[in-house]
N, C-alpha and C. Protein backbone atom coordinates (compact mmCIF):
# COMPACT_ATOMS: atom_id res chain seq x y z
N MET A 1 65.32 -85.51 -33.47
CA MET A 1 63.91 -85.38 -33.81
C MET A 1 63.15 -86.63 -33.43
N GLY A 2 61.91 -86.79 -33.97
CA GLY A 2 61.05 -87.88 -33.54
C GLY A 2 61.62 -89.23 -33.82
N SER A 3 61.18 -90.22 -33.01
CA SER A 3 61.72 -91.57 -33.12
C SER A 3 61.01 -92.38 -34.17
N GLY A 4 59.83 -91.92 -34.63
CA GLY A 4 59.07 -92.71 -35.60
C GLY A 4 59.78 -92.80 -36.93
N GLN A 5 59.95 -94.04 -37.42
CA GLN A 5 60.64 -94.25 -38.66
C GLN A 5 59.75 -95.03 -39.64
N GLY A 6 58.45 -94.82 -39.58
CA GLY A 6 57.54 -95.52 -40.45
C GLY A 6 57.86 -95.24 -41.92
N SER A 7 57.60 -96.22 -42.79
CA SER A 7 57.90 -96.04 -44.18
C SER A 7 56.64 -96.26 -45.02
N GLY A 8 56.65 -95.81 -46.25
CA GLY A 8 55.58 -96.07 -47.17
C GLY A 8 54.54 -94.97 -47.18
N THR A 9 53.64 -95.07 -48.16
CA THR A 9 52.61 -94.08 -48.35
C THR A 9 51.70 -93.91 -47.15
N GLU A 10 51.31 -95.01 -46.53
CA GLU A 10 50.38 -94.94 -45.39
C GLU A 10 51.00 -94.20 -44.21
N SER A 11 52.30 -94.49 -43.98
CA SER A 11 52.96 -93.80 -42.87
C SER A 11 53.06 -92.30 -43.15
N SER A 12 53.34 -91.93 -44.41
CA SER A 12 53.45 -90.52 -44.80
C SER A 12 52.10 -89.84 -44.63
N LYS A 13 51.01 -90.52 -45.01
CA LYS A 13 49.67 -89.97 -44.85
C LYS A 13 49.32 -89.73 -43.39
N THR A 14 49.70 -90.68 -42.56
CA THR A 14 49.43 -90.56 -41.10
C THR A 14 50.18 -89.39 -40.52
N ARG A 15 51.44 -89.27 -40.86
CA ARG A 15 52.26 -88.18 -40.40
C ARG A 15 51.69 -86.84 -40.80
N THR A 16 51.26 -86.74 -42.07
CA THR A 16 50.69 -85.50 -42.57
C THR A 16 49.38 -85.19 -41.85
N ALA A 17 48.55 -86.23 -41.63
CA ALA A 17 47.29 -86.04 -40.94
C ALA A 17 47.52 -85.51 -39.52
N ILE A 18 48.54 -86.00 -38.85
CA ILE A 18 48.88 -85.54 -37.50
C ILE A 18 49.30 -84.09 -37.51
N LEU A 19 50.16 -83.75 -38.46
CA LEU A 19 50.62 -82.36 -38.58
C LEU A 19 49.43 -81.43 -38.92
N ASP A 20 48.58 -81.85 -39.83
CA ASP A 20 47.40 -81.04 -40.18
C ASP A 20 46.50 -80.83 -38.96
N ALA A 21 46.32 -81.89 -38.20
CA ALA A 21 45.47 -81.80 -36.98
C ALA A 21 46.05 -80.86 -35.97
N ALA A 22 47.36 -80.92 -35.76
CA ALA A 22 48.01 -80.05 -34.80
C ALA A 22 47.90 -78.59 -35.25
N GLU A 23 48.06 -78.34 -36.56
CA GLU A 23 47.95 -76.99 -37.08
C GLU A 23 46.52 -76.45 -36.90
N GLN A 24 45.53 -77.26 -37.17
CA GLN A 24 44.14 -76.83 -37.05
C GLN A 24 43.85 -76.48 -35.58
N LEU A 25 44.32 -77.30 -34.66
CA LEU A 25 44.08 -77.00 -33.26
C LEU A 25 44.75 -75.71 -32.81
N MET A 26 45.98 -75.50 -33.29
CA MET A 26 46.68 -74.27 -32.93
C MET A 26 45.96 -73.06 -33.47
N MET A 27 45.45 -73.14 -34.69
CA MET A 27 44.75 -72.02 -35.31
C MET A 27 43.41 -71.76 -34.62
N GLU A 28 42.74 -72.81 -34.22
CA GLU A 28 41.39 -72.68 -33.66
C GLU A 28 41.40 -72.34 -32.16
N GLN A 29 42.32 -72.99 -31.41
CA GLN A 29 42.26 -72.90 -29.94
C GLN A 29 43.57 -72.49 -29.28
N GLY A 30 44.63 -72.30 -30.07
CA GLY A 30 45.92 -71.94 -29.49
C GLY A 30 46.78 -73.12 -29.17
N TYR A 31 48.10 -72.88 -28.98
CA TYR A 31 49.04 -73.98 -28.81
C TYR A 31 48.76 -74.80 -27.57
N ALA A 32 48.19 -74.17 -26.53
CA ALA A 32 47.92 -74.90 -25.28
C ALA A 32 46.91 -76.01 -25.46
N ALA A 33 46.14 -75.92 -26.54
CA ALA A 33 45.13 -76.96 -26.77
C ALA A 33 45.70 -78.18 -27.51
N VAL A 34 46.94 -78.08 -27.91
CA VAL A 34 47.56 -79.16 -28.70
C VAL A 34 48.15 -80.22 -27.76
N SER A 35 47.39 -81.29 -27.54
CA SER A 35 47.85 -82.42 -26.75
C SER A 35 47.86 -83.65 -27.66
N SER A 36 48.57 -84.69 -27.27
CA SER A 36 48.62 -85.88 -28.10
C SER A 36 47.23 -86.48 -28.29
N ARG A 37 46.39 -86.44 -27.25
CA ARG A 37 45.05 -87.00 -27.37
C ARG A 37 44.19 -86.19 -28.33
N ARG A 38 44.22 -84.87 -28.20
CA ARG A 38 43.40 -84.05 -29.08
C ARG A 38 43.89 -84.14 -30.52
N VAL A 39 45.17 -84.15 -30.72
CA VAL A 39 45.70 -84.26 -32.08
C VAL A 39 45.32 -85.61 -32.68
N ALA A 40 45.45 -86.65 -31.90
CA ALA A 40 45.08 -87.98 -32.40
C ALA A 40 43.61 -88.06 -32.73
N ASP A 41 42.74 -87.52 -31.87
CA ASP A 41 41.31 -87.51 -32.13
C ASP A 41 40.99 -86.78 -33.43
N ARG A 42 41.64 -85.62 -33.63
CA ARG A 42 41.37 -84.83 -34.82
C ARG A 42 41.88 -85.55 -36.07
N ALA A 43 43.02 -86.23 -35.93
CA ALA A 43 43.62 -86.93 -37.09
C ALA A 43 42.99 -88.30 -37.36
N GLY A 44 42.22 -88.79 -36.39
CA GLY A 44 41.57 -90.09 -36.56
C GLY A 44 42.52 -91.25 -36.39
N VAL A 45 43.49 -91.06 -35.46
CA VAL A 45 44.47 -92.15 -35.23
C VAL A 45 44.57 -92.39 -33.69
N ASN A 46 45.22 -93.45 -33.33
CA ASN A 46 45.50 -93.72 -31.93
C ASN A 46 46.56 -92.75 -31.42
N SER A 47 46.41 -92.31 -30.16
CA SER A 47 47.36 -91.31 -29.63
C SER A 47 48.78 -91.83 -29.61
N ALA A 48 48.98 -93.14 -29.56
CA ALA A 48 50.33 -93.69 -29.57
C ALA A 48 51.03 -93.36 -30.91
N MET A 49 50.24 -93.17 -31.96
CA MET A 49 50.83 -92.86 -33.28
C MET A 49 51.52 -91.50 -33.29
N VAL A 50 51.03 -90.59 -32.47
CA VAL A 50 51.64 -89.28 -32.39
C VAL A 50 53.08 -89.41 -31.93
N TYR A 51 53.28 -90.22 -30.88
CA TYR A 51 54.63 -90.41 -30.35
C TYR A 51 55.48 -91.31 -31.24
N TYR A 52 54.82 -92.22 -31.95
CA TYR A 52 55.55 -93.10 -32.87
C TYR A 52 56.19 -92.26 -33.98
N HIS A 53 55.45 -91.32 -34.49
CA HIS A 53 55.91 -90.51 -35.60
C HIS A 53 56.79 -89.32 -35.19
N PHE A 54 56.59 -88.81 -33.97
CA PHE A 54 57.29 -87.59 -33.59
C PHE A 54 58.08 -87.68 -32.28
N GLY A 55 57.97 -88.76 -31.55
CA GLY A 55 58.80 -88.92 -30.35
C GLY A 55 58.29 -88.15 -29.16
N THR A 56 58.27 -86.82 -29.26
CA THR A 56 57.78 -85.97 -28.16
C THR A 56 56.88 -84.87 -28.77
N MET A 57 56.14 -84.20 -27.93
CA MET A 57 55.29 -83.10 -28.40
C MET A 57 56.18 -81.95 -28.94
N ASP A 58 57.34 -81.73 -28.35
CA ASP A 58 58.25 -80.74 -28.89
C ASP A 58 58.63 -81.10 -30.33
N ASP A 59 58.88 -82.37 -30.56
CA ASP A 59 59.26 -82.83 -31.91
C ASP A 59 58.12 -82.56 -32.89
N LEU A 60 56.89 -82.76 -32.43
CA LEU A 60 55.73 -82.49 -33.25
C LEU A 60 55.66 -81.00 -33.59
N PHE A 61 55.80 -80.14 -32.56
CA PHE A 61 55.75 -78.71 -32.80
C PHE A 61 56.84 -78.26 -33.77
N ILE A 62 58.05 -78.81 -33.59
CA ILE A 62 59.16 -78.43 -34.44
C ILE A 62 58.90 -78.86 -35.88
N ALA A 63 58.40 -80.06 -36.07
CA ALA A 63 58.10 -80.55 -37.43
C ALA A 63 57.03 -79.67 -38.09
N LEU A 64 56.03 -79.25 -37.31
CA LEU A 64 54.99 -78.39 -37.83
C LEU A 64 55.54 -77.01 -38.18
N PHE A 65 56.37 -76.47 -37.31
CA PHE A 65 56.99 -75.16 -37.59
C PHE A 65 57.85 -75.24 -38.84
N ARG A 66 58.66 -76.32 -38.95
CA ARG A 66 59.53 -76.44 -40.13
C ARG A 66 58.74 -76.53 -41.41
N ARG A 67 57.65 -77.26 -41.37
CA ARG A 67 56.81 -77.37 -42.58
C ARG A 67 56.31 -76.00 -43.02
N GLY A 68 55.79 -75.23 -42.08
CA GLY A 68 55.30 -73.90 -42.45
C GLY A 68 56.44 -72.96 -42.85
N ALA A 69 57.56 -73.04 -42.16
CA ALA A 69 58.67 -72.16 -42.46
C ALA A 69 59.27 -72.46 -43.85
N ASP A 70 59.34 -73.73 -44.18
CA ASP A 70 59.84 -74.09 -45.53
C ASP A 70 58.91 -73.60 -46.61
N GLN A 71 57.61 -73.67 -46.37
CA GLN A 71 56.67 -73.15 -47.34
C GLN A 71 56.79 -71.61 -47.46
N SER A 72 56.96 -70.94 -46.34
CA SER A 72 57.16 -69.50 -46.38
C SER A 72 58.45 -69.11 -47.08
N PHE A 73 59.48 -69.89 -46.87
CA PHE A 73 60.77 -69.64 -47.52
C PHE A 73 60.62 -69.72 -49.03
N GLU A 74 59.90 -70.73 -49.49
CA GLU A 74 59.67 -70.90 -50.93
C GLU A 74 58.84 -69.75 -51.48
N ARG A 75 57.81 -69.31 -50.73
CA ARG A 75 56.99 -68.19 -51.18
C ARG A 75 57.82 -66.92 -51.32
N GLN A 76 58.66 -66.68 -50.33
CA GLN A 76 59.49 -65.45 -50.38
C GLN A 76 60.54 -65.55 -51.47
N ALA A 77 61.08 -66.72 -51.70
CA ALA A 77 62.07 -66.91 -52.77
C ALA A 77 61.42 -66.62 -54.13
N ARG A 78 60.19 -67.09 -54.33
CA ARG A 78 59.46 -66.78 -55.56
C ARG A 78 59.18 -65.28 -55.66
N ALA A 79 58.80 -64.67 -54.54
CA ALA A 79 58.51 -63.22 -54.53
C ALA A 79 59.74 -62.44 -54.95
N LEU A 80 60.89 -62.81 -54.41
CA LEU A 80 62.12 -62.07 -54.65
C LEU A 80 62.68 -62.29 -56.04
N SER A 81 62.14 -63.28 -56.77
CA SER A 81 62.60 -63.51 -58.13
C SER A 81 61.53 -63.11 -59.14
N SER A 82 60.49 -62.42 -58.67
CA SER A 82 59.40 -62.00 -59.55
C SER A 82 59.76 -60.69 -60.25
N ALA A 83 58.85 -60.22 -61.09
CA ALA A 83 59.11 -59.01 -61.88
C ALA A 83 59.20 -57.75 -61.00
N GLN A 84 58.48 -57.76 -59.90
CA GLN A 84 58.50 -56.64 -58.94
C GLN A 84 58.78 -57.20 -57.55
N PRO A 85 60.04 -57.51 -57.26
CA PRO A 85 60.37 -58.25 -56.04
C PRO A 85 59.96 -57.55 -54.73
N LEU A 86 60.12 -56.24 -54.66
CA LEU A 86 59.81 -55.57 -53.40
C LEU A 86 58.30 -55.56 -53.13
N TRP A 87 57.53 -55.30 -54.18
CA TRP A 87 56.09 -55.37 -54.05
C TRP A 87 55.66 -56.79 -53.62
N ALA A 88 56.23 -57.78 -54.28
CA ALA A 88 55.86 -59.17 -53.97
C ALA A 88 56.29 -59.57 -52.58
N LEU A 89 57.46 -59.07 -52.14
CA LEU A 89 57.94 -59.36 -50.78
C LEU A 89 56.98 -58.75 -49.75
N TRP A 90 56.60 -57.52 -49.99
CA TRP A 90 55.67 -56.84 -49.08
C TRP A 90 54.37 -57.58 -48.96
N GLU A 91 53.82 -58.04 -50.07
CA GLU A 91 52.57 -58.76 -50.07
C GLU A 91 52.71 -60.13 -49.43
N SER A 92 53.87 -60.75 -49.61
CA SER A 92 54.10 -62.06 -49.00
C SER A 92 54.19 -61.94 -47.48
N ILE A 93 54.88 -60.95 -47.00
CA ILE A 93 55.01 -60.71 -45.55
C ILE A 93 53.68 -60.31 -44.94
N HIS A 94 52.90 -59.55 -45.72
CA HIS A 94 51.63 -58.98 -45.20
C HIS A 94 50.44 -59.93 -45.39
N ASP A 95 50.72 -61.18 -45.68
CA ASP A 95 49.66 -62.18 -45.88
C ASP A 95 49.14 -62.63 -44.53
N GLN A 96 47.93 -62.19 -44.16
CA GLN A 96 47.37 -62.43 -42.83
C GLN A 96 47.07 -63.91 -42.60
N SER A 97 46.94 -64.70 -43.67
CA SER A 97 46.54 -66.12 -43.50
C SER A 97 47.61 -66.92 -42.79
N HIS A 98 48.88 -66.42 -42.79
CA HIS A 98 49.95 -67.16 -42.14
C HIS A 98 50.35 -66.56 -40.77
N THR A 99 49.74 -65.43 -40.43
CA THR A 99 50.18 -64.68 -39.25
C THR A 99 49.72 -65.34 -37.94
N ALA A 100 48.48 -65.84 -37.90
CA ALA A 100 47.95 -66.40 -36.67
C ALA A 100 48.82 -67.56 -36.16
N LEU A 101 49.21 -68.44 -37.06
CA LEU A 101 50.03 -69.58 -36.67
C LEU A 101 51.40 -69.12 -36.23
N THR A 102 51.96 -68.14 -36.90
CA THR A 102 53.26 -67.60 -36.51
C THR A 102 53.23 -67.03 -35.10
N MET A 103 52.13 -66.30 -34.78
CA MET A 103 52.00 -65.72 -33.45
C MET A 103 51.88 -66.81 -32.38
N GLU A 104 51.23 -67.92 -32.71
CA GLU A 104 51.13 -69.03 -31.76
C GLU A 104 52.52 -69.61 -31.48
N PHE A 105 53.33 -69.76 -32.52
CA PHE A 105 54.66 -70.31 -32.33
C PHE A 105 55.56 -69.37 -31.51
N ILE A 106 55.38 -68.09 -31.72
CA ILE A 106 56.14 -67.09 -30.92
C ILE A 106 55.76 -67.21 -29.46
N ALA A 107 54.42 -67.35 -29.20
CA ALA A 107 53.97 -67.51 -27.82
C ALA A 107 54.52 -68.82 -27.22
N LEU A 108 54.48 -69.87 -28.03
CA LEU A 108 54.99 -71.15 -27.56
C LEU A 108 56.49 -71.10 -27.26
N ALA A 109 57.21 -70.32 -28.07
CA ALA A 109 58.66 -70.21 -27.89
C ALA A 109 59.05 -69.59 -26.55
N ASN A 110 58.12 -68.83 -25.95
CA ASN A 110 58.40 -68.24 -24.65
C ASN A 110 58.48 -69.33 -23.55
N HIS A 111 57.94 -70.52 -23.86
CA HIS A 111 57.89 -71.58 -22.86
C HIS A 111 58.71 -72.82 -23.26
N ARG A 112 59.06 -72.93 -24.53
CA ARG A 112 59.79 -74.09 -25.04
C ARG A 112 61.09 -73.68 -25.66
N LYS A 113 62.21 -73.99 -25.03
CA LYS A 113 63.53 -73.59 -25.53
C LYS A 113 63.80 -74.17 -26.93
N ALA A 114 63.36 -75.42 -27.17
CA ALA A 114 63.60 -76.05 -28.45
C ALA A 114 62.91 -75.29 -29.59
N ILE A 115 61.70 -74.80 -29.31
CA ILE A 115 60.95 -74.04 -30.33
C ILE A 115 61.63 -72.70 -30.56
N ARG A 116 62.07 -72.06 -29.50
CA ARG A 116 62.75 -70.77 -29.62
C ARG A 116 64.02 -70.92 -30.46
N SER A 117 64.76 -71.99 -30.25
CA SER A 117 65.98 -72.24 -31.03
C SER A 117 65.68 -72.44 -32.49
N GLU A 118 64.59 -73.17 -32.78
CA GLU A 118 64.19 -73.44 -34.16
C GLU A 118 63.77 -72.15 -34.88
N ILE A 119 62.99 -71.32 -34.21
CA ILE A 119 62.57 -70.06 -34.80
C ILE A 119 63.79 -69.17 -35.07
N SER A 120 64.72 -69.15 -34.15
CA SER A 120 65.92 -68.36 -34.30
C SER A 120 66.73 -68.81 -35.53
N LYS A 121 66.84 -70.11 -35.69
CA LYS A 121 67.61 -70.68 -36.80
C LYS A 121 66.97 -70.30 -38.14
N TYR A 122 65.67 -70.48 -38.23
CA TYR A 122 64.97 -70.18 -39.48
C TYR A 122 64.94 -68.68 -39.74
N SER A 123 64.84 -67.86 -38.70
CA SER A 123 64.83 -66.41 -38.88
C SER A 123 66.13 -65.93 -39.48
N ARG A 124 67.25 -66.51 -39.04
CA ARG A 124 68.56 -66.15 -39.62
C ARG A 124 68.63 -66.59 -41.09
N ARG A 125 68.02 -67.75 -41.40
CA ARG A 125 68.01 -68.22 -42.79
C ARG A 125 67.20 -67.26 -43.66
N PHE A 126 66.03 -66.84 -43.20
CA PHE A 126 65.22 -65.90 -43.93
C PHE A 126 65.96 -64.57 -44.13
N ARG A 127 66.57 -64.07 -43.05
CA ARG A 127 67.23 -62.79 -43.13
C ARG A 127 68.41 -62.83 -44.12
N THR A 128 69.14 -63.89 -44.13
CA THR A 128 70.26 -64.04 -45.10
C THR A 128 69.76 -64.00 -46.53
N MET A 129 68.67 -64.75 -46.81
CA MET A 129 68.11 -64.76 -48.15
C MET A 129 67.60 -63.38 -48.54
N GLN A 130 66.86 -62.74 -47.62
CA GLN A 130 66.31 -61.43 -47.92
C GLN A 130 67.37 -60.38 -48.15
N LEU A 131 68.39 -60.39 -47.30
CA LEU A 131 69.45 -59.40 -47.37
C LEU A 131 70.24 -59.53 -48.69
N ASP A 132 70.53 -60.77 -49.06
CA ASP A 132 71.27 -61.00 -50.29
C ASP A 132 70.46 -60.51 -51.49
N ALA A 133 69.17 -60.89 -51.52
CA ALA A 133 68.30 -60.53 -52.67
C ALA A 133 68.04 -59.02 -52.74
N VAL A 134 67.73 -58.41 -51.61
CA VAL A 134 67.40 -56.97 -51.60
C VAL A 134 68.64 -56.12 -51.89
N SER A 135 69.79 -56.57 -51.43
CA SER A 135 71.04 -55.85 -51.73
C SER A 135 71.27 -55.78 -53.25
N LYS A 136 71.08 -56.90 -53.92
CA LYS A 136 71.24 -56.95 -55.38
C LYS A 136 70.17 -56.12 -56.07
N LEU A 137 68.96 -56.18 -55.53
CA LEU A 137 67.87 -55.43 -56.15
C LEU A 137 68.11 -53.92 -56.10
N LEU A 138 68.44 -53.42 -54.92
CA LEU A 138 68.64 -51.99 -54.77
C LEU A 138 69.82 -51.52 -55.59
N GLU A 139 70.85 -52.33 -55.64
CA GLU A 139 72.02 -51.99 -56.49
C GLU A 139 71.59 -51.90 -57.95
N GLY A 140 70.77 -52.88 -58.37
CA GLY A 140 70.29 -52.88 -59.75
C GLY A 140 69.41 -51.70 -60.07
N TYR A 141 68.67 -51.21 -59.06
CA TYR A 141 67.83 -50.03 -59.25
C TYR A 141 68.62 -48.72 -59.14
N GLY A 142 69.91 -48.85 -58.84
CA GLY A 142 70.75 -47.66 -58.71
C GLY A 142 70.54 -46.91 -57.40
N ILE A 143 70.07 -47.64 -56.38
CA ILE A 143 69.83 -47.01 -55.09
C ILE A 143 70.95 -47.40 -54.13
N GLY A 144 71.73 -46.43 -53.72
CA GLY A 144 72.85 -46.69 -52.84
C GLY A 144 72.41 -46.76 -51.38
N PRO A 145 73.29 -47.28 -50.52
CA PRO A 145 72.97 -47.41 -49.08
C PRO A 145 72.75 -46.06 -48.38
N ASP A 146 73.27 -45.00 -48.99
CA ASP A 146 73.08 -43.68 -48.41
C ASP A 146 71.62 -43.20 -48.60
N ILE A 147 70.94 -43.78 -49.59
CA ILE A 147 69.54 -43.44 -49.84
C ILE A 147 68.64 -44.42 -49.08
N CYS A 148 68.91 -45.71 -49.22
CA CYS A 148 68.13 -46.73 -48.53
C CYS A 148 68.98 -48.00 -48.44
N SER A 149 69.34 -48.35 -47.24
CA SER A 149 70.18 -49.54 -47.07
C SER A 149 69.28 -50.80 -47.19
N PRO A 150 69.84 -51.91 -47.68
CA PRO A 150 69.02 -53.13 -47.83
C PRO A 150 68.38 -53.59 -46.52
N ILE A 151 69.15 -53.55 -45.43
CA ILE A 151 68.61 -54.03 -44.16
C ILE A 151 67.47 -53.11 -43.65
N THR A 152 67.60 -51.81 -43.92
CA THR A 152 66.53 -50.89 -43.54
C THR A 152 65.27 -51.19 -44.31
N MET A 153 65.40 -51.48 -45.60
CA MET A 153 64.25 -51.82 -46.42
C MET A 153 63.56 -53.08 -45.90
N ILE A 154 64.34 -54.11 -45.58
CA ILE A 154 63.80 -55.37 -45.07
C ILE A 154 63.07 -55.18 -43.75
N LEU A 155 63.73 -54.43 -42.83
CA LEU A 155 63.10 -54.22 -41.52
C LEU A 155 61.87 -53.32 -41.60
N MET A 156 61.87 -52.38 -42.55
CA MET A 156 60.70 -51.53 -42.72
C MET A 156 59.51 -52.39 -43.18
N LEU A 157 59.73 -53.20 -44.22
CA LEU A 157 58.63 -54.00 -44.76
C LEU A 157 58.14 -55.04 -43.74
N SER A 158 59.08 -55.78 -43.16
CA SER A 158 58.68 -56.86 -42.25
C SER A 158 58.18 -56.33 -40.91
N GLY A 159 58.87 -55.33 -40.38
CA GLY A 159 58.49 -54.80 -39.07
C GLY A 159 57.13 -54.14 -39.08
N ILE A 160 56.92 -53.28 -40.05
CA ILE A 160 55.62 -52.58 -40.14
C ILE A 160 54.50 -53.58 -40.38
N SER A 161 54.74 -54.51 -41.32
CA SER A 161 53.68 -55.46 -41.65
C SER A 161 53.29 -56.31 -40.45
N ARG A 162 54.27 -56.86 -39.74
CA ARG A 162 53.96 -57.72 -38.62
C ARG A 162 53.27 -56.95 -37.49
N PHE A 163 53.69 -55.73 -37.27
CA PHE A 163 53.07 -54.93 -36.20
C PHE A 163 51.61 -54.63 -36.55
N LEU A 164 51.36 -54.27 -37.81
CA LEU A 164 50.00 -53.98 -38.22
C LEU A 164 49.11 -55.22 -38.10
N LEU A 165 49.64 -56.36 -38.53
CA LEU A 165 48.87 -57.60 -38.45
C LEU A 165 48.57 -57.99 -37.01
N MET A 166 49.54 -57.74 -36.13
CA MET A 166 49.33 -58.04 -34.72
C MET A 166 48.22 -57.13 -34.15
N GLU A 167 48.22 -55.85 -34.52
CA GLU A 167 47.14 -54.97 -34.04
C GLU A 167 45.80 -55.36 -34.64
N GLU A 168 45.79 -55.74 -35.87
CA GLU A 168 44.53 -56.14 -36.53
C GLU A 168 43.92 -57.34 -35.85
N ALA A 169 44.73 -58.20 -35.26
CA ALA A 169 44.21 -59.35 -34.53
C ALA A 169 43.39 -58.93 -33.34
N PHE A 170 43.63 -57.67 -32.85
CA PHE A 170 42.88 -57.14 -31.73
C PHE A 170 41.88 -56.06 -32.17
N ASP A 171 41.56 -56.12 -33.50
CA ASP A 171 40.61 -55.17 -34.08
C ASP A 171 41.01 -53.72 -33.91
N LEU A 172 42.33 -53.46 -33.96
CA LEU A 172 42.85 -52.10 -33.88
C LEU A 172 43.41 -51.72 -35.25
N PHE A 173 42.82 -50.71 -35.86
CA PHE A 173 43.16 -50.34 -37.23
C PHE A 173 43.58 -48.85 -37.37
N THR A 174 43.62 -48.14 -36.27
CA THR A 174 43.92 -46.71 -36.34
C THR A 174 45.28 -46.46 -36.96
N GLY A 175 45.31 -45.68 -38.02
CA GLY A 175 46.55 -45.31 -38.67
C GLY A 175 47.09 -46.34 -39.64
N HIS A 176 46.44 -47.49 -39.76
CA HIS A 176 46.93 -48.54 -40.62
C HIS A 176 46.89 -48.15 -42.12
N GLU A 177 45.78 -47.57 -42.49
CA GLU A 177 45.63 -47.21 -43.90
C GLU A 177 46.70 -46.19 -44.33
N GLU A 178 46.96 -45.22 -43.48
CA GLU A 178 47.95 -44.20 -43.77
C GLU A 178 49.36 -44.80 -43.81
N THR A 179 49.63 -45.73 -42.89
CA THR A 179 50.95 -46.34 -42.85
C THR A 179 51.20 -47.21 -44.07
N ILE A 180 50.18 -48.00 -44.45
CA ILE A 180 50.31 -48.84 -45.64
C ILE A 180 50.52 -47.97 -46.88
N ALA A 181 49.80 -46.84 -46.94
CA ALA A 181 49.92 -45.94 -48.07
C ALA A 181 51.33 -45.38 -48.16
N LEU A 182 51.94 -45.08 -47.02
CA LEU A 182 53.31 -44.55 -47.01
C LEU A 182 54.33 -45.58 -47.49
N VAL A 183 54.19 -46.82 -47.00
CA VAL A 183 55.07 -47.89 -47.42
C VAL A 183 54.93 -48.10 -48.94
N GLU A 184 53.70 -48.14 -49.40
CA GLU A 184 53.48 -48.43 -50.82
C GLU A 184 53.89 -47.26 -51.71
N LYS A 185 53.92 -46.05 -51.17
CA LYS A 185 54.46 -44.92 -51.93
C LYS A 185 55.93 -45.13 -52.19
N HIS A 186 56.67 -45.60 -51.16
CA HIS A 186 58.10 -45.87 -51.33
C HIS A 186 58.31 -46.98 -52.36
N LEU A 187 57.48 -48.03 -52.28
CA LEU A 187 57.61 -49.10 -53.24
C LEU A 187 57.32 -48.62 -54.66
N ARG A 188 56.31 -47.73 -54.79
CA ARG A 188 55.95 -47.18 -56.07
C ARG A 188 57.08 -46.32 -56.65
N ASP A 189 57.74 -45.59 -55.77
CA ASP A 189 58.88 -44.75 -56.20
C ASP A 189 60.01 -45.61 -56.75
N ILE A 190 60.15 -46.82 -56.23
CA ILE A 190 61.25 -47.71 -56.65
C ILE A 190 60.88 -48.59 -57.82
N GLU A 191 59.72 -49.23 -57.74
CA GLU A 191 59.33 -50.22 -58.73
C GLU A 191 58.13 -49.84 -59.60
N GLY A 192 57.59 -48.67 -59.41
CA GLY A 192 56.44 -48.25 -60.17
C GLY A 192 55.17 -48.81 -59.60
N GLU A 193 54.06 -48.59 -60.30
CA GLU A 193 52.78 -49.13 -59.85
C GLU A 193 52.83 -50.64 -59.80
N ARG A 194 52.13 -51.21 -58.84
CA ARG A 194 52.03 -52.67 -58.71
C ARG A 194 51.33 -53.23 -59.94
N GLN A 195 51.99 -54.15 -60.62
CA GLN A 195 51.43 -54.81 -61.79
C GLN A 195 50.74 -56.11 -61.39
N SER A 196 49.74 -56.50 -62.13
CA SER A 196 49.08 -57.77 -61.91
C SER A 196 49.33 -58.70 -63.07
N GLY A 197 48.98 -59.94 -62.88
CA GLY A 197 49.14 -60.90 -63.98
C GLY A 197 50.33 -61.78 -63.76
N PRO A 198 50.63 -62.71 -64.72
CA PRO A 198 51.73 -63.66 -64.61
C PRO A 198 53.06 -62.95 -64.42
N GLY A 199 53.82 -63.47 -63.47
CA GLY A 199 55.17 -62.94 -63.24
C GLY A 199 55.20 -61.68 -62.37
N ALA A 200 54.05 -61.16 -62.02
CA ALA A 200 54.01 -59.93 -61.23
C ALA A 200 54.37 -60.19 -59.78
N GLY A 201 53.91 -61.36 -59.27
CA GLY A 201 54.13 -61.65 -57.86
C GLY A 201 54.55 -63.02 -57.64
């Protein structure tokens, strides 16, 4: 990873400012707009600081991806330990606020092998956590694999959600309401109506 080994609060603040700047640029203008100069300008630092803290632009992208992925992992872990885990998982996956950045990283991965490798590694980590949790959940609900296998449930929730969000980015909504209603009917059959309040999600 990056060669920068700065220590102390100031160094940590600078690193965070650089990551925040890179994320903002990706969200606003796409990954192609993320250069050391633009990131430095947005962060209010000298462009040399970008390389000091991250070594290469790939290192910066990887650090940014890891930060977001770790936050997503924690959100999903909380969802899967909530009172209604499947409802909470569906809502966590279907959170549009995190989708735009994810799509930028997927596009970037088509051109950067290091990014593709990082996404693959984290995707396997997510899938292992989800599969372990959903397997226990369905077993606890008395639902056998002949009725609904854990991996089918995971792929249904994540696959449908991501596809709908991708279409929504292009202002295409045909059939979305009906599809969401069908998914949520299945969740209602398993976990009942979605509850609100502490511990619900």
